[in-house]
Each structure stands twice: as structure tokens, then as C-alpha cells.
PDB file of N, CA and C in Angstrom:
ATOM      1  N   UNK A   1     -62.456-102.464  45.120  1.00  0.00           N
ATOM      2  CA  UNK A   1     -63.345-101.510  44.679  1.00  0.00           C
ATOM      3  C   UNK A   1     -62.438-100.365  44.555  1.00  0.00           C
ATOM      4  N   UNK A   2     -62.599 -99.428  43.705  1.00  0.00           N
ATOM      5  CA  UNK A   2     -61.930 -98.216  43.628  1.00  0.00           C
ATOM      6  C   UNK A   2     -62.832 -97.085  43.290  1.00  0.00           C
ATOM      7  N   UNK A   3     -62.468 -95.962  44.013  1.00  0.00           N
ATOM      8  CA  UNK A   3     -63.162 -94.825  43.871  1.00  0.00           C
ATOM      9  C   UNK A   3     -62.441 -93.630  43.666  1.00  0.00           C
ATOM     10  N   UNK A   4     -62.762 -92.747  42.826  1.00  0.00           N
ATOM     11  CA  UNK A   4     -61.995 -91.415  42.439  1.00  0.00           C
ATOM     12  C   UNK A   4     -63.047 -90.390  42.500  1.00  0.00           C
ATOM     13  N   UNK A   5     -62.826 -89.217  42.903  1.00  0.00           N
ATOM     14  CA  UNK A   5     -63.585 -88.048  42.894  1.00  0.00           C
ATOM     15  C   UNK A   5     -62.853 -86.796  42.434  1.00  0.00           C
ATOM     16  N   UNK A   6     -63.479 -85.863  41.766  1.00  0.00           N
ATOM     17  CA  UNK A   6     -63.052 -84.794  41.289  1.00  0.00           C
ATOM     18  C   UNK A   6     -63.820 -83.539  41.884  1.00  0.00           C
ATOM     19  N   UNK A   7     -63.228 -82.314  41.897  1.00  0.00           N
ATOM     20  CA  UNK A   7     -63.777 -81.244  42.298  1.00  0.00           C
ATOM     21  C   UNK A   7     -62.972 -79.983  41.622  1.00  0.00           C
ATOM     22  N   UNK A   8     -63.617 -79.458  40.687  1.00  0.00           N
ATOM     23  CA  UNK A   8     -63.052 -78.111  40.104  1.00  0.00           C
ATOM     24  C   UNK A   8     -62.014 -78.744  38.997  1.00  0.00           C
ATOM     25  N   UNK A   9     -62.244 -80.192  38.559  1.00  0.00           N
ATOM     26  CA  UNK A   9     -61.431 -80.651  37.478  1.00  0.00           C
ATOM     27  C   UNK A   9     -60.121 -81.184  38.110  1.00  0.00           C
ATOM     28  N   UNK A  10     -59.981 -81.361  39.583  1.00  0.00           N
ATOM     29  CA  UNK A  10     -58.833 -81.696  40.291  1.00  0.00           C
ATOM     30  C   UNK A  10     -59.345 -83.011  41.037  1.00  0.00           C
ATOM     31  N   UNK A  11     -58.434 -83.969  40.744  1.00  0.00           N
ATOM     32  CA  UNK A  11     -58.636 -85.313  41.471  1.00  0.00           C
ATOM     33  C   UNK A  11     -58.336 -85.069  42.822  1.00  0.00           C
ATOM     34  N   UNK A  12     -59.331 -85.341  43.722  1.00  0.00           N
ATOM     35  CA  UNK A  12     -59.410 -85.103  45.325  1.00  0.00           C
ATOM     36  C   UNK A  12     -59.341 -86.322  45.945  1.00  0.00           C
ATOM     37  N   UNK A  13     -59.857 -87.298  45.511  1.00  0.00           N
ATOM     38  CA  UNK A  13     -60.048 -88.757  46.078  1.00  0.00           C
ATOM     39  C   UNK A  13     -59.576 -89.713  45.211  1.00  0.00           C
ATOM     40  N   UNK A  14     -58.525 -90.687  45.360  1.00  0.00           N
ATOM     41  CA  UNK A  14     -58.278 -91.873  44.660  1.00  0.00           C
ATOM     42  C   UNK A  14     -58.039 -92.916  45.895  1.00  0.00           C
ATOM     43  N   UNK A  15     -58.977 -93.916  46.075  1.00  0.00           N
ATOM     44  CA  UNK A  15     -58.824 -94.840  46.873  1.00  0.00           C
ATOM     45  C   UNK A  15     -59.144 -96.035  46.603  1.00  0.00           C
ATOM     46  N   UNK A  16     -58.678 -97.185  47.205  1.00  0.00           N
ATOM     47  CA  UNK A  16     -59.132 -98.633  46.802  1.00  0.00           C
ATOM     48  C   UNK A  16     -59.469 -99.278  48.024  1.00  0.00           C
ATOM     49  N   UNK A  17     -60.648 -99.882  48.243  1.00  0.00           N
ATOM     50  CA  UNK A  17     -61.121-100.623  49.343  1.00  0.00           C
ATOM     51  C   UNK A  17     -61.705-102.012  49.047  1.00  0.00           C
ATOM     52  N   UNK A  18     -61.511-102.695  50.008  1.00  0.00           N
ATOM     53  CA  UNK A  18     -62.263-104.227  49.697  1.00  0.00           C
ATOM     54  C   UNK A  18     -63.445-104.334  50.417  1.00  0.00           C
ATOM     55  N   UNK A  19     -63.725-103.391  51.426  1.00  0.00           N
ATOM     56  CA  UNK A  19     -64.903-103.355  52.239  1.00  0.00           C
ATOM     57  C   UNK A  19     -65.885-102.434  51.777  1.00  0.00           C
ATOM     58  N   UNK A  20     -67.077-102.883  51.454  1.00  0.00           N
ATOM     59  CA  UNK A  20     -68.180-102.049  50.972  1.00  0.00           C
ATOM     60  C   UNK A  20     -68.667-100.865  52.124  1.00  0.00           C
ATOM     61  N   UNK A  21     -68.605-101.291  53.405  1.00  0.00           N
ATOM     62  CA  UNK A  21     -69.046-100.486  54.300  1.00  0.00           C
ATOM     63  C   UNK A  21     -68.115 -99.122  54.315  1.00  0.00           C
ATOM     64  N   UNK A  22     -66.914 -99.534  54.481  1.00  0.00           N
ATOM     65  CA  UNK A  22     -65.698 -98.539  54.514  1.00  0.00           C
ATOM     66  C   UNK A  22     -65.961 -97.433  53.286  1.00  0.00           C
ATOM     67  N   UNK A  23     -66.119 -98.200  52.041  1.00  0.00           N
ATOM     68  CA  UNK A  23     -66.213 -97.240  50.979  1.00  0.00           C
ATOM     69  C   UNK A  23     -67.640 -96.456  51.155  1.00  0.00           C
ATOM     70  N   UNK A  24     -68.596 -96.825  51.461  1.00  0.00           N
ATOM     71  CA  UNK A  24     -69.799 -95.958  51.796  1.00  0.00           C
ATOM     72  C   UNK A  24     -69.529 -95.235  52.743  1.00  0.00           C
ATOM     73  N   UNK A  25     -68.677 -95.220  53.741  1.00  0.00           N
ATOM     74  CA  UNK A  25     -68.441 -94.213  54.860  1.00  0.00           C
ATOM     75  C   UNK A  25     -67.748 -93.082  54.085  1.00  0.00           C
ATOM     76  N   UNK A  26     -66.580 -93.479  53.310  1.00  0.00           N
ATOM     77  CA  UNK A  26     -65.800 -92.336  52.580  1.00  0.00           C
ATOM     78  C   UNK A  26     -66.738 -91.543  51.742  1.00  0.00           C
ATOM     79  N   UNK A  27     -67.509 -92.274  50.850  1.00  0.00           N
ATOM     80  CA  UNK A  27     -68.396 -91.340  50.104  1.00  0.00           C
ATOM     81  C   UNK A  27     -69.357 -90.449  50.909  1.00  0.00           C
ATOM     82  N   UNK A  28     -70.058 -91.000  51.849  1.00  0.00           N
ATOM     83  CA  UNK A  28     -70.824 -90.029  52.661  1.00  0.00           C
ATOM     84  C   UNK A  28     -70.086 -89.009  53.306  1.00  0.00           C
ATOM     85  N   UNK A  29     -68.763 -89.066  53.623  1.00  0.00           N
ATOM     86  CA  UNK A  29     -67.980 -88.117  54.069  1.00  0.00           C
ATOM     87  C   UNK A  29     -67.298 -86.933  53.401  1.00  0.00           C
ATOM     88  N   UNK A  30     -67.440 -87.290  51.828  1.00  0.00           N
ATOM     89  CA  UNK A  30     -67.053 -86.217  50.997  1.00  0.00           C
ATOM     90  C   UNK A  30     -67.846 -85.113  50.793  1.00  0.00           C
ATOM     91  N   UNK A  31     -67.521 -84.160  50.423  1.00  0.00           N
ATOM     92  CA  UNK A  31     -68.095 -82.896  50.314  1.00  0.00           C
ATOM     93  C   UNK A  31     -68.188 -82.081  48.907  1.00  0.00           C
ATOM     94  N   UNK A  32     -69.319 -82.195  48.447  1.00  0.00           N
ATOM     95  CA  UNK A  32     -69.527 -81.485  47.231  1.00  0.00           C
ATOM     96  C   UNK A  32     -68.360 -81.794  46.036  1.00  0.00           C
ATOM     97  N   UNK A  33     -68.466 -82.836  45.682  1.00  0.00           N
ATOM     98  CA  UNK A  33     -67.490 -83.316  44.503  1.00  0.00           C
ATOM     99  C   UNK A  33     -68.388 -83.180  43.082  1.00  0.00           C
ATOM    100  N   UNK A  34     -67.648 -82.908  42.085  1.00  0.00           N
ATOM    101  CA  UNK A  34     -68.373 -82.569  40.846  1.00  0.00           C
ATOM    102  C   UNK A  34     -68.612 -83.894  40.057  1.00  0.00           C
ATOM    103  N   UNK A  35     -67.610 -84.672  40.235  1.00  0.00           N
ATOM    104  CA  UNK A  35     -67.571 -86.241  39.547  1.00  0.00           C
ATOM    105  C   UNK A  35     -67.155 -87.281  40.155  1.00  0.00           C
ATOM    106  N   UNK A  36     -67.619 -88.430  40.041  1.00  0.00           N
ATOM    107  CA  UNK A  36     -67.243 -89.664  40.714  1.00  0.00           C
ATOM    108  C   UNK A  36     -66.884 -90.726  39.890  1.00  0.00           C
ATOM    109  N   UNK A  37     -65.995 -91.603  40.162  1.00  0.00           N
ATOM    110  CA  UNK A  37     -65.815 -92.799  39.202  1.00  0.00           C
ATOM    111  C   UNK A  37     -65.715 -94.027  40.183  1.00  0.00           C
ATOM    112  N   UNK A  38     -66.561 -95.225  39.763  1.00  0.00           N
ATOM    113  CA  UNK A  38     -66.558 -96.417  40.578  1.00  0.00           C
ATOM    114  C   UNK A  38     -66.248 -97.366  39.864  1.00  0.00           C
ATOM    115  N   UNK A  39     -65.266 -98.235  40.284  1.00  0.00           N
ATOM    116  CA  UNK A  39     -64.901 -99.580  39.607  1.00  0.00           C
ATOM    117  C   UNK A  39     -64.876-100.811  40.645  1.00  0.00           C
ATOM    118  N   UNK A  40     -65.769-101.673  40.487  1.00  0.00           N
ATOM    119  CA  UNK A  40     -65.954-102.876  41.455  1.00  0.00           C
ATOM    120  C   UNK A  40     -65.390-103.916  40.590  1.00  0.00           C
ATOM    121  N   UNK A  41     -64.245-104.626  40.936  1.00  0.00           N
ATOM    122  CA  UNK A  41     -63.608-105.587  40.332  1.00  0.00           C
ATOM    123  C   UNK A  41     -64.051-107.232  40.931  1.00  0.00           C
ATOM    124  N   UNK A  42     -64.448-108.284  40.169  1.00  0.00           N
ATOM    125  CA  UNK A  42     -64.888-109.492  40.747  1.00  0.00           C
ATOM    126  C   UNK A  42     -63.522-110.262  40.619  1.00  0.00           C
ATOM    127  N   UNK A  43     -62.818-110.314  39.653  1.00  0.00           N
ATOM    128  CA  UNK A  43     -61.568-110.915  39.340  1.00  0.00           C
ATOM    129  C   UNK A  43     -61.534-111.324  37.740  1.00  0.00           C
ATOM    130  N   UNK A  44     -60.536-112.271  37.607  1.00  0.00           N
ATOM    131  CA  UNK A  44     -60.495-112.746  36.250  1.00  0.00           C
ATOM    132  C   UNK A  44     -61.241-113.715  35.929  1.00  0.00           C
ATOM    133  N   UNK A  45     -61.711-113.776  34.574  1.00  0.00           N
ATOM    134  CA  UNK A  45     -62.711-114.965  34.163  1.00  0.00           C
ATOM    135  C   UNK A  45     -62.705-115.090  32.833  1.00  0.00           C
ATOM    136  N   UNK A  46     -63.301-116.300  32.429  1.00  0.00           N
ATOM    137  CA  UNK A  46     -63.177-116.716  31.043  1.00  0.00           C
ATOM    138  C   UNK A  46     -64.376-115.819  30.179  1.00  0.00           C
ATOM    139  N   UNK A  47     -64.080-115.312  29.129  1.00  0.00           N
ATOM    140  CA  UNK A  47     -65.008-114.666  28.358  1.00  0.00           C
ATOM    141  C   UNK A  47     -64.990-115.139  26.884  1.00  0.00           C
ATOM    142  N   UNK A  48     -65.804-114.634  26.030  1.00  0.00           N
ATOM    143  CA  UNK A  48     -65.671-115.002  24.864  1.00  0.00           C
ATOM    144  C   UNK A  48     -64.277-114.545  24.112  1.00  0.00           C
ATOM    145  N   UNK A  49     -63.814-113.573  24.568  1.00  0.00           N
ATOM    146  CA  UNK A  49     -62.213-113.039  24.220  1.00  0.00           C
ATOM    147  C   UNK A  49     -61.205-113.725  24.799  1.00  0.00           C
ATOM    148  N   UNK A  50     -61.441-114.665  25.739  1.00  0.00           N
ATOM    149  CA  UNK A  50     -60.365-115.179  26.522  1.00  0.00           C
ATOM    150  C   UNK A  50     -60.521-114.852  27.886  1.00  0.00           C
ATOM    151  N   UNK A  51     -59.244-114.838  28.804  1.00  0.00           N
ATOM    152  CA  UNK A  51     -59.359-114.535  30.073  1.00  0.00           C
ATOM    153  C   UNK A  51     -59.262-113.113  30.203  1.00  0.00           C
ATOM    154  N   UNK A  52     -60.225-112.714  30.806  1.00  0.00           N
ATOM    155  CA  UNK A  52     -60.286-110.917  31.089  1.00  0.00           C
ATOM    156  C   UNK A  52     -60.571-110.532  32.518  1.00  0.00           C
ATOM    157  N   UNK A  53     -60.395-109.405  32.909  1.00  0.00           N
ATOM    158  CA  UNK A  53     -60.679-109.004  34.255  1.00  0.00           C
ATOM    159  C   UNK A  53     -62.323-108.728  34.053  1.00  0.00           C
ATOM    160  N   UNK A  54     -62.980-109.071  35.148  1.00  0.00           N
ATOM    161  CA  UNK A  54     -64.619-108.775  35.210  1.00  0.00           C
ATOM    162  C   UNK A  54     -64.981-107.797  36.252  1.00  0.00           C
ATOM    163  N   UNK A  55     -65.531-106.792  35.578  1.00  0.00           N
ATOM    164  CA  UNK A  55     -65.893-105.655  36.544  1.00  0.00           C
ATOM    165  C   UNK A  55     -66.923-104.921  36.070  1.00  0.00           C
ATOM    166  N   UNK A  56     -67.512-104.028  36.962  1.00  0.00           N
ATOM    167  CA  UNK A  56     -68.515-103.079  36.654  1.00  0.00           C
ATOM    168  C   UNK A  56     -68.054-101.652  37.120  1.00  0.00           C
ATOM    169  N   UNK A  57     -68.273-100.606  36.238  1.00  0.00           N
ATOM    170  CA  UNK A  57     -67.773 -99.434  36.436  1.00  0.00           C
ATOM    171  C   UNK A  57     -68.767 -98.330  35.982  1.00  0.00           C
ATOM    172  N   UNK A  58     -68.527 -96.942  36.379  1.00  0.00           N
ATOM    173  CA  UNK A  58     -69.481 -95.936  35.896  1.00  0.00           C
ATOM    174  C   UNK A  58     -68.790 -94.543  36.540  1.00  0.00           C
ATOM    175  N   UNK A  59     -69.224 -93.503  35.801  1.00  0.00           N
ATOM    176  CA  UNK A  59     -68.954 -92.104  36.325  1.00  0.00           C
ATOM    177  C   UNK A  59     -70.363 -91.538  36.748  1.00  0.00           C
ATOM    178  N   UNK A  60     -70.343 -90.741  37.906  1.00  0.00           N
ATOM    179  CA  UNK A  60     -71.477 -90.260  38.479  1.00  0.00           C
ATOM    180  C   UNK A  60     -71.228 -88.910  38.756  1.00  0.00           C
ATOM    181  N   UNK A  61     -72.391 -88.101  39.062  1.00  0.00           N
ATOM    182  CA  UNK A  61     -72.477 -86.749  39.180  1.00  0.00           C
ATOM    183  C   UNK A  61     -72.936 -86.252  40.477  1.00  0.00           C
ATOM    184  N   UNK A  62     -73.545 -87.297  41.173  1.00  0.00           N
ATOM    185  CA  UNK A  62     -74.088 -87.010  42.659  1.00  0.00           C
ATOM    186  C   UNK A  62     -74.008 -88.346  43.367  1.00  0.00           C
ATOM    187  N   UNK A  63     -73.842 -88.307  44.850  1.00  0.00           N
ATOM    188  CA  UNK A  63     -73.636 -89.208  45.808  1.00  0.00           C
ATOM    189  C   UNK A  63     -74.772 -90.196  45.708  1.00  0.00           C
ATOM    190  N   UNK A  64     -75.988 -89.789  45.612  1.00  0.00           N
ATOM    191  CA  UNK A  64     -77.273 -90.482  45.474  1.00  0.00           C
ATOM    192  C   UNK A  64     -76.944 -91.654  44.446  1.00  0.00           C
ATOM    193  N   UNK A  65     -76.587 -91.300  43.157  1.00  0.00           N
ATOM    194  CA  UNK A  65     -76.446 -92.317  42.142  1.00  0.00           C
ATOM    195  C   UNK A  65     -75.172 -93.202  42.358  1.00  0.00           C
ATOM    196  N   UNK A  66     -74.097 -92.573  42.943  1.00  0.00           N
ATOM    197  CA  UNK A  66     -72.910 -93.220  43.181  1.00  0.00           C
ATOM    198  C   UNK A  66     -73.355 -94.523  44.129  1.00  0.00           C
ATOM    199  N   UNK A  67     -73.843 -94.061  45.219  1.00  0.00           N
ATOM    200  CA  UNK A  67     -74.235 -94.946  46.367  1.00  0.00           C
ATOM    201  C   UNK A  67     -75.044 -96.255  45.751  1.00  0.00           C
ATOM    202  N   UNK A  68     -75.968 -95.811  44.995  1.00  0.00           N
ATOM    203  CA  UNK A  68     -76.768 -96.876  44.390  1.00  0.00           C
ATOM    204  C   UNK A  68     -76.030 -97.793  43.554  1.00  0.00           C
ATOM    205  N   UNK A  69     -75.140 -97.212  42.770  1.00  0.00           N
ATOM    206  CA  UNK A  69     -74.348 -97.994  41.879  1.00  0.00           C
ATOM    207  C   UNK A  69     -73.335 -98.840  42.697  1.00  0.00           C
ATOM    208  N   UNK A  70     -72.928 -98.600  43.836  1.00  0.00           N
ATOM    209  CA  UNK A  70     -72.188 -99.270  44.806  1.00  0.00           C
ATOM    210  C   UNK A  70     -72.953-100.497  45.384  1.00  0.00           C
ATOM    211  N   UNK A  71     -74.258-100.239  45.727  1.00  0.00           N
ATOM    212  CA  UNK A  71     -75.009-101.343  46.244  1.00  0.00           C
ATOM    213  C   UNK A  71     -75.376-102.324  45.388  1.00  0.00           C
ATOM    214  N   UNK A  72     -75.487-102.093  43.850  1.00  0.00           N
ATOM    215  CA  UNK A  72     -75.925-102.703  42.993  1.00  0.00           C
ATOM    216  C   UNK A  72     -74.672-103.724  42.445  1.00  0.00           C
ATOM    217  N   UNK A  73     -73.301-102.824  42.510  1.00  0.00           N
ATOM    218  CA  UNK A  73     -72.127-103.527  42.051  1.00  0.00           C
ATOM    219  C   UNK A  73     -71.696-104.444  42.961  1.00  0.00           C
ATOM    220  N   UNK A  74     -71.854-104.187  44.240  1.00  0.00           N
ATOM    221  CA  UNK A  74     -71.320-105.062  45.291  1.00  0.00           C
ATOM    222  C   UNK A  74     -72.297-105.809  46.152  1.00  0.00           C
ATOM    223  N   UNK A  75     -73.300-106.215  45.034  1.00  0.00           N
ATOM    224  CA  UNK A  75     -74.442-107.235  45.862  1.00  0.00           C
ATOM    225  C   UNK A  75     -74.246-108.402  45.682  1.00  0.00           C
ATOM    226  N   UNK A  76     -74.736-109.284  46.369  1.00  0.00           N
ATOM    227  CA  UNK A  76     -74.486-110.768  46.294  1.00  0.00           C
ATOM    228  C   UNK A  76     -74.854-111.302  44.821  1.00  0.00           C
ATOM    229  N   UNK A  77     -75.851-110.760  44.160  1.00  0.00           N
ATOM    230  CA  UNK A  77     -76.413-111.241  42.842  1.00  0.00           C
ATOM    231  C   UNK A  77     -75.227-111.053  41.849  1.00  0.00           C
ATOM    232  N   UNK A  78     -74.420-109.716  42.006  1.00  0.00           N
ATOM    233  CA  UNK A  78     -73.365-109.653  41.124  1.00  0.00           C
ATOM    234  C   UNK A  78     -72.220-110.571  41.264  1.00  0.00           C
ATOM    235  N   UNK A  79     -71.986-110.908  42.529  1.00  0.00           N
ATOM    236  CA  UNK A  79     -70.817-111.819  42.862  1.00  0.00           C
ATOM    237  C   UNK A  79     -71.225-113.329  42.461  1.00  0.00           C
ATOM    238  N   UNK A  80     -72.475-113.620  42.620  1.00  0.00           N
ATOM    239  CA  UNK A  80     -72.798-114.982  42.397  1.00  0.00           C
ATOM    240  C   UNK A  80     -72.872-115.176  40.862  1.00  0.00           C
ATOM    241  N   UNK A  81     -73.303-114.051  40.010  1.00  0.00           N
ATOM    242  CA  UNK A  81     -73.207-113.996  38.571  1.00  0.00           C
ATOM    243  C   UNK A  81     -71.911-114.350  38.153  1.00  0.00           C
ATOM    244  N   UNK A  82     -70.972-113.538  38.796  1.00  0.00           N
ATOM    245  CA  UNK A  82     -69.444-113.745  38.472  1.00  0.00           C
ATOM    246  C   UNK A  82     -68.944-115.137  38.757  1.00  0.00           C
ATOM    247  N   UNK A  83     -69.354-115.848  39.783  1.00  0.00           N
ATOM    248  CA  UNK A  83     -68.850-116.964  40.229  1.00  0.00           C
ATOM    249  C   UNK A  83     -69.622-118.157  39.204  1.00  0.00           C
ATOM    250  N   UNK A  84     -70.665-117.953  38.830  1.00  0.00           N
ATOM    251  CA  UNK A  84     -71.370-119.014  38.047  1.00  0.00           C
ATOM    252  C   UNK A  84     -71.004-118.908  36.535  1.00  0.00           C
ATOM    253  N   UNK A  85     -70.623-117.662  36.062  1.00  0.00           N
ATOM    254  CA  UNK A  85     -70.434-117.414  34.625  1.00  0.00           C
ATOM    255  C   UNK A  85     -69.183-117.141  34.107  1.00  0.00           C
ATOM    256  N   UNK A  86     -68.422-116.765  35.054  1.00  0.00           N
ATOM    257  CA  UNK A  86     -67.072-116.298  34.478  1.00  0.00           C
ATOM    258  C   UNK A  86     -65.777-116.766  35.181  1.00  0.00           C
ATOM    259  N   UNK A  87     -65.853-117.152  36.607  1.00  0.00           N
ATOM    260  CA  UNK A  87     -64.780-117.603  37.558  1.00  0.00           C
ATOM    261  C   UNK A  87     -64.105-118.717  36.829  1.00  0.00           C
ATOM    262  N   UNK A  88     -62.762-118.592  36.917  1.00  0.00           N
ATOM    263  CA  UNK A  88     -61.788-119.780  36.363  1.00  0.00           C
ATOM    264  C   UNK A  88     -61.162-120.409  37.493  1.00  0.00           C
TER     265      UNK A  88
END
């Protein structure tokens, strides 16, 4: 999982974590950022275009939306979907 955060157009946070709880802690401790980017990568998989990296990502302007996206992107359902439909 990759998290970036900007304040006044300056990159303040750029971190990669594999543990959802640690990433949630980092998010909660950040103070008043203007923009966040989250990318959750599941691995490489077969798609109609060949073997590609499978991931969810998005940009957010508040912690509430960012934390919701993290909970969805890192949910068991997303991992199962990757394993059933894309894993090689």
C-alpha cells in the first residue's frame, strides 16, 4: 500500500506499508493535508491486455474519504476478487 500526502502543493508524506493498521495510524496522525493519494496493489495478474499489475487507487481531499477507501481497497472481498479473477 502506498500513501502520499501534500500540503500547500508540497509532498509531505510518501510511504509504503504492507500492514493496513499501520497505514491507518499514519493517516490518523497526519495534520491537515490538502490532498492524499492511496494505491493498494494486489500483485500481477492476467487481464485482457496480458499480465499487468492489479491495483486500486485514488486521490482524496479529506481523511474520512481516504480511510473509507483504505478499508474498501484492503478488504477481504478485494483480495478474494484478485485471487479468483486475476492471480497468475
